Amino acid sequence: MSRSALVLGFSLIAFGPQKMNAAFAVRGQSSQACSAPQYHQFDFWLGEWDVFDDDPHTPVARVKVSSILDGCALLEEYVQTDGLKGKSFSIYDSSRGVWHQSWVTNGGQLLWIEGDYANNEMVLIGSEHMGAGVERQVRGTWKQVRDGVRETAVISTDGGKHWDLWFDLMFRRRKQ
């Protein structure tokens, strides 16, 4: 266990949640810290969506993206029609000036990607560990378009020399 995890665990036991809240507020980690514009660059993705792949008439998934933790993070709840489920947490890390997303599925998949918002696109890049020492690079792009949000992902298994399409999804607002 890391030293910081031990300190946090000990602090919670010894001082309780009120003292810990005060300690984080002193470090500038209050909910007001997330009011800067950078924290809201990904807000175009908020909402409830039907997700389409090849067939523009038949959804392949339903997604709900919510603002959580006083606007400091986004929670994606993804349910695919074939039973795959996933959740992601996206946050602007002001200490490093980057966006971070952690994605997990009910199939045991874990993906960490990071990047930034530029040219009206959120672009996040990382590596996915496939098991047996196999790793591939992943680059995801989210862009607000007229009909909703388009998310594309490409993968590379040769260190980024060649990229192949992994998926191309269209998010359309769910009709109530």
N, C-alpha and C. Protein backbone atom coordinates (compact mmCIF):
# COMPACT_ATOMS: atom_id res chain seq x y z
N MET A 1 0.86 -1.17 0.00
CA MET A 1 0.00 0.00 0.00
C MET A 1 0.89 1.23 0.00
N SER A 2 0.51 2.25 -0.75
CA SER A 2 1.32 3.46 -0.85
C SER A 2 1.28 4.23 0.46
N ARG A 3 2.29 5.06 0.65
CA ARG A 3 2.37 5.89 1.84
C ARG A 3 1.17 6.83 1.92
N SER A 4 0.77 7.43 0.78
CA SER A 4 -0.36 8.37 0.81
C SER A 4 -1.67 7.67 1.16
N ALA A 5 -1.83 6.42 0.71
CA ALA A 5 -3.04 5.67 1.05
C ALA A 5 -3.06 5.35 2.55
N LEU A 6 -1.90 5.02 3.10
CA LEU A 6 -1.83 4.75 4.54
C LEU A 6 -2.15 6.01 5.34
N VAL A 7 -1.60 7.14 4.91
CA VAL A 7 -1.86 8.40 5.61
C VAL A 7 -3.33 8.75 5.54
N LEU A 8 -3.95 8.61 4.36
CA LEU A 8 -5.37 8.90 4.22
C LEU A 8 -6.20 7.98 5.11
N GLY A 9 -5.91 6.69 5.10
CA GLY A 9 -6.65 5.74 5.93
C GLY A 9 -6.50 6.05 7.40
N PHE A 10 -5.27 6.32 7.83
CA PHE A 10 -5.04 6.67 9.23
C PHE A 10 -5.78 7.95 9.60
N SER A 11 -5.74 8.94 8.72
CA SER A 11 -6.39 10.23 8.99
C SER A 11 -7.89 10.07 9.15
N LEU A 12 -8.49 9.24 8.31
CA LEU A 12 -9.94 9.02 8.43
C LEU A 12 -10.29 8.38 9.76
N ILE A 13 -9.47 7.42 10.19
CA ILE A 13 -9.72 6.73 11.46
C ILE A 13 -9.49 7.68 12.62
N ALA A 14 -8.37 8.40 12.60
CA ALA A 14 -7.98 9.23 13.74
C ALA A 14 -8.79 10.51 13.85
N PHE A 15 -9.11 11.13 12.73
CA PHE A 15 -9.70 12.46 12.79
C PHE A 15 -11.15 12.53 12.36
N GLY A 16 -11.63 11.55 11.64
CA GLY A 16 -13.01 11.55 11.20
C GLY A 16 -13.23 12.39 9.96
N PRO A 17 -14.42 12.27 9.36
CA PRO A 17 -14.69 12.95 8.10
C PRO A 17 -14.68 14.47 8.18
N GLN A 18 -15.10 15.08 9.33
CA GLN A 18 -15.12 16.54 9.40
C GLN A 18 -13.72 17.12 9.28
N LYS A 19 -12.77 16.52 9.99
CA LYS A 19 -11.39 17.01 9.92
C LYS A 19 -10.81 16.79 8.52
N MET A 20 -11.16 15.68 7.89
CA MET A 20 -10.65 15.42 6.54
C MET A 20 -11.23 16.42 5.55
N ASN A 21 -12.52 16.76 5.70
CA ASN A 21 -13.11 17.77 4.83
C ASN A 21 -12.38 19.09 4.97
N ALA A 22 -12.06 19.46 6.19
CA ALA A 22 -11.34 20.71 6.43
C ALA A 22 -9.95 20.64 5.80
N ALA A 23 -9.30 19.50 5.91
CA ALA A 23 -7.95 19.35 5.35
C ALA A 23 -7.99 19.49 3.83
N PHE A 24 -8.97 18.90 3.18
CA PHE A 24 -9.05 19.02 1.72
C PHE A 24 -9.41 20.44 1.32
N ALA A 25 -10.27 21.12 2.08
CA ALA A 25 -10.62 22.50 1.76
C ALA A 25 -9.39 23.39 1.85
N VAL A 26 -8.54 23.15 2.83
CA VAL A 26 -7.32 23.93 2.97
C VAL A 26 -6.43 23.73 1.74
N ARG A 27 -6.41 22.53 1.19
CA ARG A 27 -5.60 22.24 0.02
C ARG A 27 -6.27 22.73 -1.27
N GLY A 28 -7.40 23.41 -1.18
CA GLY A 28 -8.05 23.94 -2.37
C GLY A 28 -8.92 22.91 -3.06
N GLN A 29 -9.39 21.91 -2.36
CA GLN A 29 -10.16 20.85 -2.98
C GLN A 29 -11.65 20.97 -2.66
N SER A 30 -12.13 22.15 -2.40
CA SER A 30 -13.55 22.31 -2.15
C SER A 30 -14.31 22.25 -3.47
N SER A 31 -15.63 22.15 -3.39
CA SER A 31 -16.44 22.05 -4.60
C SER A 31 -16.33 23.31 -5.46
N GLN A 32 -15.97 24.45 -4.87
CA GLN A 32 -15.81 25.67 -5.64
C GLN A 32 -14.63 25.59 -6.59
N ALA A 33 -13.70 24.70 -6.33
CA ALA A 33 -12.52 24.55 -7.18
C ALA A 33 -12.89 24.07 -8.58
N CYS A 34 -14.05 23.49 -8.75
CA CYS A 34 -14.45 22.91 -10.04
C CYS A 34 -15.34 23.85 -10.84
N SER A 35 -15.36 25.12 -10.49
CA SER A 35 -16.19 26.06 -11.24
C SER A 35 -15.45 26.68 -12.43
N ALA A 36 -14.16 26.45 -12.54
CA ALA A 36 -13.39 27.00 -13.67
C ALA A 36 -13.88 26.40 -14.99
N PRO A 37 -13.78 27.13 -16.08
CA PRO A 37 -14.29 26.66 -17.38
C PRO A 37 -13.71 25.32 -17.84
N GLN A 38 -12.46 25.03 -17.48
CA GLN A 38 -11.85 23.78 -17.93
C GLN A 38 -12.63 22.55 -17.45
N TYR A 39 -13.23 22.65 -16.27
CA TYR A 39 -13.98 21.53 -15.72
C TYR A 39 -15.26 21.24 -16.50
N HIS A 40 -15.65 22.14 -17.37
CA HIS A 40 -16.91 22.01 -18.08
C HIS A 40 -16.75 21.86 -19.59
N GLN A 41 -15.53 21.59 -20.03
CA GLN A 41 -15.28 21.40 -21.46
C GLN A 41 -15.97 20.16 -22.02
N PHE A 42 -16.25 19.18 -21.15
CA PHE A 42 -16.85 17.91 -21.59
C PHE A 42 -18.36 17.91 -21.33
N ASP A 43 -18.92 19.02 -20.88
CA ASP A 43 -20.34 19.08 -20.55
C ASP A 43 -21.25 18.83 -21.74
N PHE A 44 -20.76 18.99 -22.96
CA PHE A 44 -21.59 18.72 -24.14
C PHE A 44 -22.03 17.26 -24.19
N TRP A 45 -21.38 16.39 -23.43
CA TRP A 45 -21.70 14.96 -23.40
C TRP A 45 -22.76 14.62 -22.35
N LEU A 46 -23.11 15.56 -21.49
CA LEU A 46 -24.10 15.30 -20.44
C LEU A 46 -25.46 14.98 -21.05
N GLY A 47 -26.17 14.03 -20.43
CA GLY A 47 -27.52 13.72 -20.86
C GLY A 47 -27.77 12.24 -20.97
N GLU A 48 -28.96 11.92 -21.48
CA GLU A 48 -29.34 10.53 -21.72
C GLU A 48 -29.38 10.31 -23.22
N TRP A 49 -28.71 9.23 -23.65
CA TRP A 49 -28.46 9.02 -25.07
C TRP A 49 -28.85 7.62 -25.53
N ASP A 50 -29.30 7.53 -26.77
CA ASP A 50 -29.34 6.27 -27.52
C ASP A 50 -28.10 6.30 -28.39
N VAL A 51 -27.42 5.16 -28.46
CA VAL A 51 -26.13 5.09 -29.17
C VAL A 51 -26.28 4.18 -30.38
N PHE A 52 -25.79 4.68 -31.51
CA PHE A 52 -25.91 3.98 -32.78
C PHE A 52 -24.52 3.70 -33.35
N ASP A 53 -24.42 2.55 -34.04
CA ASP A 53 -23.16 2.18 -34.69
C ASP A 53 -23.38 2.23 -36.19
N ASP A 54 -23.41 1.09 -36.87
CA ASP A 54 -23.57 1.05 -38.33
C ASP A 54 -24.99 1.41 -38.78
N ASP A 55 -25.99 0.88 -38.09
CA ASP A 55 -27.38 1.11 -38.46
C ASP A 55 -27.90 2.35 -37.74
N PRO A 56 -28.22 3.41 -38.47
CA PRO A 56 -28.66 4.65 -37.82
C PRO A 56 -30.06 4.57 -37.21
N HIS A 57 -30.75 3.44 -37.37
CA HIS A 57 -32.12 3.29 -36.87
C HIS A 57 -32.23 2.37 -35.66
N THR A 58 -31.20 1.57 -35.39
CA THR A 58 -31.26 0.60 -34.30
C THR A 58 -30.16 0.89 -33.28
N PRO A 59 -30.55 1.32 -32.08
CA PRO A 59 -29.51 1.62 -31.08
C PRO A 59 -28.78 0.35 -30.63
N VAL A 60 -27.48 0.51 -30.35
CA VAL A 60 -26.67 -0.59 -29.84
C VAL A 60 -26.45 -0.46 -28.33
N ALA A 61 -26.80 0.73 -27.79
CA ALA A 61 -26.59 0.95 -26.35
C ALA A 61 -27.41 2.14 -25.89
N ARG A 62 -27.53 2.22 -24.57
CA ARG A 62 -28.11 3.39 -23.91
C ARG A 62 -27.05 3.91 -22.95
N VAL A 63 -26.96 5.23 -22.88
CA VAL A 63 -25.93 5.85 -22.05
C VAL A 63 -26.54 7.01 -21.29
N LYS A 64 -26.13 7.12 -20.04
CA LYS A 64 -26.48 8.28 -19.23
C LYS A 64 -25.16 8.88 -18.75
N VAL A 65 -24.96 10.17 -19.03
CA VAL A 65 -23.76 10.87 -18.58
C VAL A 65 -24.23 11.97 -17.63
N SER A 66 -23.75 11.91 -16.38
CA SER A 66 -24.19 12.83 -15.34
C SER A 66 -23.00 13.61 -14.78
N SER A 67 -23.29 14.82 -14.35
CA SER A 67 -22.33 15.61 -13.61
C SER A 67 -22.43 15.18 -12.15
N ILE A 68 -21.29 14.84 -11.55
CA ILE A 68 -21.29 14.37 -10.15
C ILE A 68 -20.24 15.13 -9.35
N LEU A 69 -20.28 14.94 -8.07
CA LEU A 69 -19.30 15.50 -7.14
C LEU A 69 -19.18 17.02 -7.31
N ASP A 70 -20.36 17.68 -7.25
CA ASP A 70 -20.43 19.14 -7.34
C ASP A 70 -19.83 19.69 -8.62
N GLY A 71 -20.01 18.96 -9.73
CA GLY A 71 -19.51 19.42 -11.02
C GLY A 71 -18.04 19.13 -11.26
N CYS A 72 -17.43 18.33 -10.40
CA CYS A 72 -16.00 18.04 -10.54
C CYS A 72 -15.72 16.84 -11.44
N ALA A 73 -16.72 16.04 -11.76
CA ALA A 73 -16.49 14.84 -12.56
C ALA A 73 -17.74 14.49 -13.35
N LEU A 74 -17.56 13.69 -14.39
CA LEU A 74 -18.66 13.13 -15.16
C LEU A 74 -18.70 11.63 -14.92
N LEU A 75 -19.91 11.10 -14.77
CA LEU A 75 -20.12 9.65 -14.64
C LEU A 75 -20.88 9.19 -15.87
N GLU A 76 -20.29 8.26 -16.61
CA GLU A 76 -20.94 7.63 -17.76
C GLU A 76 -21.43 6.26 -17.32
N GLU A 77 -22.71 5.97 -17.58
CA GLU A 77 -23.29 4.65 -17.32
C GLU A 77 -23.75 4.10 -18.66
N TYR A 78 -23.08 3.05 -19.12
CA TYR A 78 -23.23 2.51 -20.47
C TYR A 78 -23.83 1.11 -20.39
N VAL A 79 -24.91 0.86 -21.14
CA VAL A 79 -25.52 -0.47 -21.20
C VAL A 79 -25.74 -0.81 -22.67
N GLN A 80 -25.01 -1.81 -23.12
CA GLN A 80 -25.10 -2.25 -24.51
C GLN A 80 -26.19 -3.30 -24.66
N THR A 81 -26.80 -3.40 -25.83
CA THR A 81 -27.91 -4.33 -26.05
C THR A 81 -27.49 -5.80 -25.93
N ASP A 82 -26.20 -6.09 -26.08
CA ASP A 82 -25.74 -7.48 -25.96
C ASP A 82 -25.33 -7.86 -24.53
N GLY A 83 -25.56 -6.97 -23.56
CA GLY A 83 -25.27 -7.28 -22.16
C GLY A 83 -24.01 -6.63 -21.61
N LEU A 84 -23.15 -6.08 -22.47
CA LEU A 84 -21.96 -5.40 -21.97
C LEU A 84 -22.38 -4.15 -21.22
N LYS A 85 -21.82 -3.97 -20.04
CA LYS A 85 -22.08 -2.77 -19.24
C LYS A 85 -20.74 -2.14 -18.90
N GLY A 86 -20.73 -0.82 -18.83
CA GLY A 86 -19.52 -0.12 -18.46
C GLY A 86 -19.82 1.18 -17.77
N LYS A 87 -18.83 1.65 -17.03
CA LYS A 87 -18.93 2.96 -16.38
C LYS A 87 -17.59 3.65 -16.53
N SER A 88 -17.68 4.96 -16.71
CA SER A 88 -16.45 5.74 -16.75
C SER A 88 -16.60 6.94 -15.85
N PHE A 89 -15.45 7.37 -15.33
CA PHE A 89 -15.34 8.62 -14.59
C PHE A 89 -14.39 9.49 -15.39
N SER A 90 -14.81 10.71 -15.69
CA SER A 90 -13.97 11.66 -16.40
C SER A 90 -13.80 12.89 -15.53
N ILE A 91 -12.57 13.39 -15.45
CA ILE A 91 -12.29 14.55 -14.61
C ILE A 91 -11.17 15.38 -15.23
N TYR A 92 -11.29 16.68 -15.06
CA TYR A 92 -10.19 17.57 -15.44
C TYR A 92 -9.23 17.62 -14.26
N ASP A 93 -8.00 17.22 -14.47
CA ASP A 93 -6.98 17.23 -13.44
C ASP A 93 -6.20 18.54 -13.55
N SER A 94 -6.61 19.52 -12.75
CA SER A 94 -6.01 20.85 -12.85
C SER A 94 -4.54 20.85 -12.43
N SER A 95 -4.13 19.91 -11.59
CA SER A 95 -2.74 19.88 -11.17
C SER A 95 -1.79 19.56 -12.33
N ARG A 96 -2.30 18.83 -13.33
CA ARG A 96 -1.48 18.49 -14.49
C ARG A 96 -2.00 19.13 -15.78
N GLY A 97 -3.17 19.74 -15.73
CA GLY A 97 -3.74 20.40 -16.91
C GLY A 97 -4.19 19.41 -17.98
N VAL A 98 -4.72 18.24 -17.55
CA VAL A 98 -5.17 17.22 -18.51
C VAL A 98 -6.52 16.67 -18.07
N TRP A 99 -7.25 16.14 -19.05
CA TRP A 99 -8.46 15.38 -18.77
C TRP A 99 -8.07 13.92 -18.57
N HIS A 100 -8.74 13.25 -17.65
CA HIS A 100 -8.50 11.84 -17.37
C HIS A 100 -9.83 11.09 -17.39
N GLN A 101 -9.82 9.90 -17.97
CA GLN A 101 -11.00 9.02 -17.93
C GLN A 101 -10.56 7.62 -17.54
N SER A 102 -11.28 7.04 -16.58
CA SER A 102 -11.11 5.64 -16.20
C SER A 102 -12.38 4.91 -16.60
N TRP A 103 -12.25 3.84 -17.37
CA TRP A 103 -13.37 3.08 -17.91
C TRP A 103 -13.27 1.64 -17.44
N VAL A 104 -14.35 1.08 -16.91
CA VAL A 104 -14.39 -0.33 -16.49
C VAL A 104 -15.67 -0.97 -17.01
N THR A 105 -15.60 -2.29 -17.24
CA THR A 105 -16.78 -3.00 -17.75
C THR A 105 -17.07 -4.24 -16.91
N ASN A 106 -18.27 -4.79 -17.14
CA ASN A 106 -18.63 -6.05 -16.49
C ASN A 106 -17.89 -7.24 -17.11
N GLY A 107 -17.07 -6.99 -18.10
CA GLY A 107 -16.20 -8.02 -18.68
C GLY A 107 -14.79 -7.95 -18.14
N GLY A 108 -14.56 -7.09 -17.14
CA GLY A 108 -13.25 -6.99 -16.53
C GLY A 108 -12.28 -6.08 -17.26
N GLN A 109 -12.75 -5.32 -18.22
CA GLN A 109 -11.89 -4.42 -18.98
C GLN A 109 -11.63 -3.14 -18.18
N LEU A 110 -10.39 -2.68 -18.20
CA LEU A 110 -10.00 -1.43 -17.58
C LEU A 110 -9.24 -0.62 -18.61
N LEU A 111 -9.60 0.65 -18.76
CA LEU A 111 -8.91 1.52 -19.69
C LEU A 111 -8.74 2.89 -19.03
N TRP A 112 -7.50 3.39 -19.02
CA TRP A 112 -7.20 4.74 -18.54
C TRP A 112 -6.71 5.52 -19.73
N ILE A 113 -7.37 6.65 -20.00
CA ILE A 113 -6.95 7.49 -21.12
C ILE A 113 -6.91 8.94 -20.65
N GLU A 114 -6.01 9.72 -21.25
CA GLU A 114 -5.85 11.11 -20.86
C GLU A 114 -5.60 11.98 -22.08
N GLY A 115 -5.93 13.26 -21.96
CA GLY A 115 -5.69 14.17 -23.06
C GLY A 115 -6.26 15.53 -22.76
N ASP A 116 -6.75 16.18 -23.83
CA ASP A 116 -7.27 17.52 -23.63
C ASP A 116 -8.35 17.86 -24.64
N TYR A 117 -8.95 19.01 -24.40
CA TYR A 117 -10.00 19.53 -25.27
C TYR A 117 -9.38 20.62 -26.12
N ALA A 118 -9.41 20.44 -27.43
CA ALA A 118 -8.88 21.44 -28.37
C ALA A 118 -9.61 21.29 -29.68
N ASN A 119 -9.76 22.38 -30.40
CA ASN A 119 -10.42 22.38 -31.70
C ASN A 119 -11.81 21.76 -31.65
N ASN A 120 -12.55 22.04 -30.56
CA ASN A 120 -13.92 21.54 -30.37
C ASN A 120 -14.00 20.02 -30.27
N GLU A 121 -12.93 19.37 -29.84
CA GLU A 121 -12.91 17.91 -29.66
C GLU A 121 -12.23 17.56 -28.34
N MET A 122 -12.74 16.52 -27.69
CA MET A 122 -12.07 15.94 -26.55
C MET A 122 -11.31 14.74 -27.09
N VAL A 123 -9.99 14.73 -26.94
CA VAL A 123 -9.16 13.63 -27.43
C VAL A 123 -8.38 13.05 -26.25
N LEU A 124 -8.62 11.77 -25.97
CA LEU A 124 -7.98 11.08 -24.86
C LEU A 124 -7.24 9.86 -25.39
N ILE A 125 -6.01 9.67 -24.92
CA ILE A 125 -5.14 8.60 -25.41
C ILE A 125 -4.60 7.81 -24.24
N GLY A 126 -4.44 6.51 -24.44
CA GLY A 126 -3.84 5.66 -23.41
C GLY A 126 -3.51 4.30 -23.96
N SER A 127 -3.13 3.41 -23.06
CA SER A 127 -2.79 2.04 -23.44
C SER A 127 -3.75 1.08 -22.77
N GLU A 128 -4.13 0.07 -23.49
CA GLU A 128 -5.00 -0.99 -22.96
C GLU A 128 -4.18 -2.27 -22.88
N HIS A 129 -4.17 -2.87 -21.71
CA HIS A 129 -3.45 -4.12 -21.51
C HIS A 129 -4.40 -5.27 -21.82
N MET A 130 -4.02 -6.06 -22.81
CA MET A 130 -4.90 -7.11 -23.32
C MET A 130 -4.65 -8.47 -22.66
N GLY A 131 -3.66 -8.58 -21.80
CA GLY A 131 -3.29 -9.85 -21.20
C GLY A 131 -2.15 -10.48 -21.97
N ALA A 132 -1.48 -11.42 -21.36
CA ALA A 132 -0.36 -12.14 -21.97
C ALA A 132 0.70 -11.18 -22.51
N GLY A 133 0.86 -10.03 -21.83
CA GLY A 133 1.87 -9.06 -22.23
C GLY A 133 1.53 -8.23 -23.46
N VAL A 134 0.33 -8.39 -23.99
CA VAL A 134 -0.08 -7.65 -25.19
C VAL A 134 -0.67 -6.31 -24.76
N GLU A 135 -0.23 -5.26 -25.42
CA GLU A 135 -0.72 -3.92 -25.13
C GLU A 135 -1.03 -3.22 -26.45
N ARG A 136 -2.08 -2.40 -26.43
CA ARG A 136 -2.38 -1.61 -27.61
C ARG A 136 -2.71 -0.19 -27.18
N GLN A 137 -2.37 0.74 -28.04
CA GLN A 137 -2.69 2.13 -27.78
C GLN A 137 -4.12 2.40 -28.25
N VAL A 138 -4.80 3.27 -27.52
CA VAL A 138 -6.18 3.64 -27.82
C VAL A 138 -6.27 5.16 -27.84
N ARG A 139 -6.95 5.69 -28.86
CA ARG A 139 -7.22 7.12 -28.92
C ARG A 139 -8.70 7.31 -29.17
N GLY A 140 -9.37 7.95 -28.22
CA GLY A 140 -10.80 8.24 -28.34
C GLY A 140 -11.03 9.72 -28.60
N THR A 141 -12.00 10.03 -29.44
CA THR A 141 -12.34 11.42 -29.76
C THR A 141 -13.84 11.60 -29.62
N TRP A 142 -14.23 12.62 -28.87
CA TRP A 142 -15.64 13.00 -28.71
C TRP A 142 -15.80 14.38 -29.31
N LYS A 143 -16.84 14.52 -30.13
CA LYS A 143 -17.09 15.81 -30.78
C LYS A 143 -18.59 16.07 -30.82
N GLN A 144 -18.98 17.26 -30.41
CA GLN A 144 -20.38 17.63 -30.52
C GLN A 144 -20.69 17.90 -31.99
N VAL A 145 -21.75 17.26 -32.48
CA VAL A 145 -22.18 17.42 -33.86
C VAL A 145 -23.66 17.83 -33.86
N ARG A 146 -24.18 18.15 -35.02
CA ARG A 146 -25.55 18.64 -35.13
C ARG A 146 -26.57 17.71 -34.47
N ASP A 147 -26.43 16.41 -34.67
CA ASP A 147 -27.42 15.45 -34.15
C ASP A 147 -27.11 14.91 -32.77
N GLY A 148 -26.00 15.32 -32.15
CA GLY A 148 -25.64 14.81 -30.84
C GLY A 148 -24.14 14.86 -30.61
N VAL A 149 -23.58 13.71 -30.25
CA VAL A 149 -22.15 13.59 -30.00
C VAL A 149 -21.63 12.38 -30.76
N ARG A 150 -20.51 12.56 -31.43
CA ARG A 150 -19.87 11.46 -32.14
C ARG A 150 -18.62 11.05 -31.37
N GLU A 151 -18.52 9.76 -31.09
CA GLU A 151 -17.34 9.21 -30.41
C GLU A 151 -16.68 8.20 -31.34
N THR A 152 -15.43 8.44 -31.65
CA THR A 152 -14.67 7.48 -32.45
C THR A 152 -13.47 7.03 -31.65
N ALA A 153 -13.05 5.80 -31.88
CA ALA A 153 -11.85 5.29 -31.23
C ALA A 153 -11.03 4.53 -32.26
N VAL A 154 -9.74 4.74 -32.20
CA VAL A 154 -8.80 4.02 -33.05
C VAL A 154 -7.79 3.33 -32.15
N ILE A 155 -7.21 2.24 -32.68
CA ILE A 155 -6.24 1.46 -31.91
C ILE A 155 -4.97 1.25 -32.74
N SER A 156 -3.88 1.07 -32.02
CA SER A 156 -2.60 0.78 -32.65
C SER A 156 -1.88 -0.29 -31.85
N THR A 157 -1.33 -1.26 -32.55
CA THR A 157 -0.54 -2.30 -31.88
C THR A 157 0.94 -2.21 -32.26
N ASP A 158 1.30 -1.14 -32.97
CA ASP A 158 2.70 -0.99 -33.39
C ASP A 158 3.30 0.34 -32.92
N GLY A 159 2.90 0.75 -31.71
CA GLY A 159 3.46 1.96 -31.14
C GLY A 159 2.99 3.25 -31.78
N GLY A 160 1.85 3.23 -32.45
CA GLY A 160 1.28 4.44 -33.02
C GLY A 160 1.68 4.71 -34.46
N LYS A 161 2.35 3.77 -35.10
CA LYS A 161 2.72 3.96 -36.51
C LYS A 161 1.49 3.84 -37.42
N HIS A 162 0.63 2.88 -37.11
CA HIS A 162 -0.60 2.66 -37.88
C HIS A 162 -1.78 2.60 -36.90
N TRP A 163 -2.87 3.20 -37.32
CA TRP A 163 -4.09 3.23 -36.50
C TRP A 163 -5.23 2.61 -37.28
N ASP A 164 -6.00 1.76 -36.60
CA ASP A 164 -7.19 1.13 -37.19
C ASP A 164 -8.42 1.56 -36.40
N LEU A 165 -9.54 1.70 -37.11
CA LEU A 165 -10.79 2.06 -36.45
C LEU A 165 -11.22 0.95 -35.50
N TRP A 166 -11.52 1.30 -34.27
CA TRP A 166 -12.06 0.36 -33.29
C TRP A 166 -13.57 0.47 -33.30
N PHE A 167 -14.09 1.69 -33.17
CA PHE A 167 -15.52 1.92 -33.28
C PHE A 167 -15.80 3.37 -33.64
N ASP A 168 -17.02 3.59 -34.15
CA ASP A 168 -17.49 4.92 -34.53
C ASP A 168 -18.96 4.99 -34.09
N LEU A 169 -19.23 5.70 -33.01
CA LEU A 169 -20.55 5.72 -32.42
C LEU A 169 -21.18 7.11 -32.53
N MET A 170 -22.49 7.10 -32.67
CA MET A 170 -23.27 8.33 -32.70
C MET A 170 -24.21 8.33 -31.50
N PHE A 171 -24.11 9.34 -30.65
CA PHE A 171 -24.98 9.51 -29.49
C PHE A 171 -26.08 10.49 -29.88
N ARG A 172 -27.32 10.04 -29.79
CA ARG A 172 -28.47 10.92 -30.04
C ARG A 172 -29.30 10.99 -28.75
N ARG A 173 -29.75 12.20 -28.46
CA ARG A 173 -30.54 12.38 -27.24
C ARG A 173 -31.71 11.41 -27.22
N ARG A 174 -31.89 10.75 -26.09
CA ARG A 174 -32.99 9.80 -25.93
C ARG A 174 -34.30 10.56 -25.93
N LYS A 175 -35.24 10.06 -26.70
CA LYS A 175 -36.58 10.67 -26.73
C LYS A 175 -37.34 10.21 -25.50
N GLN A 176 -37.89 11.14 -24.80
CA GLN A 176 -38.60 10.81 -23.54
C GLN A 176 -39.96 10.26 -23.78
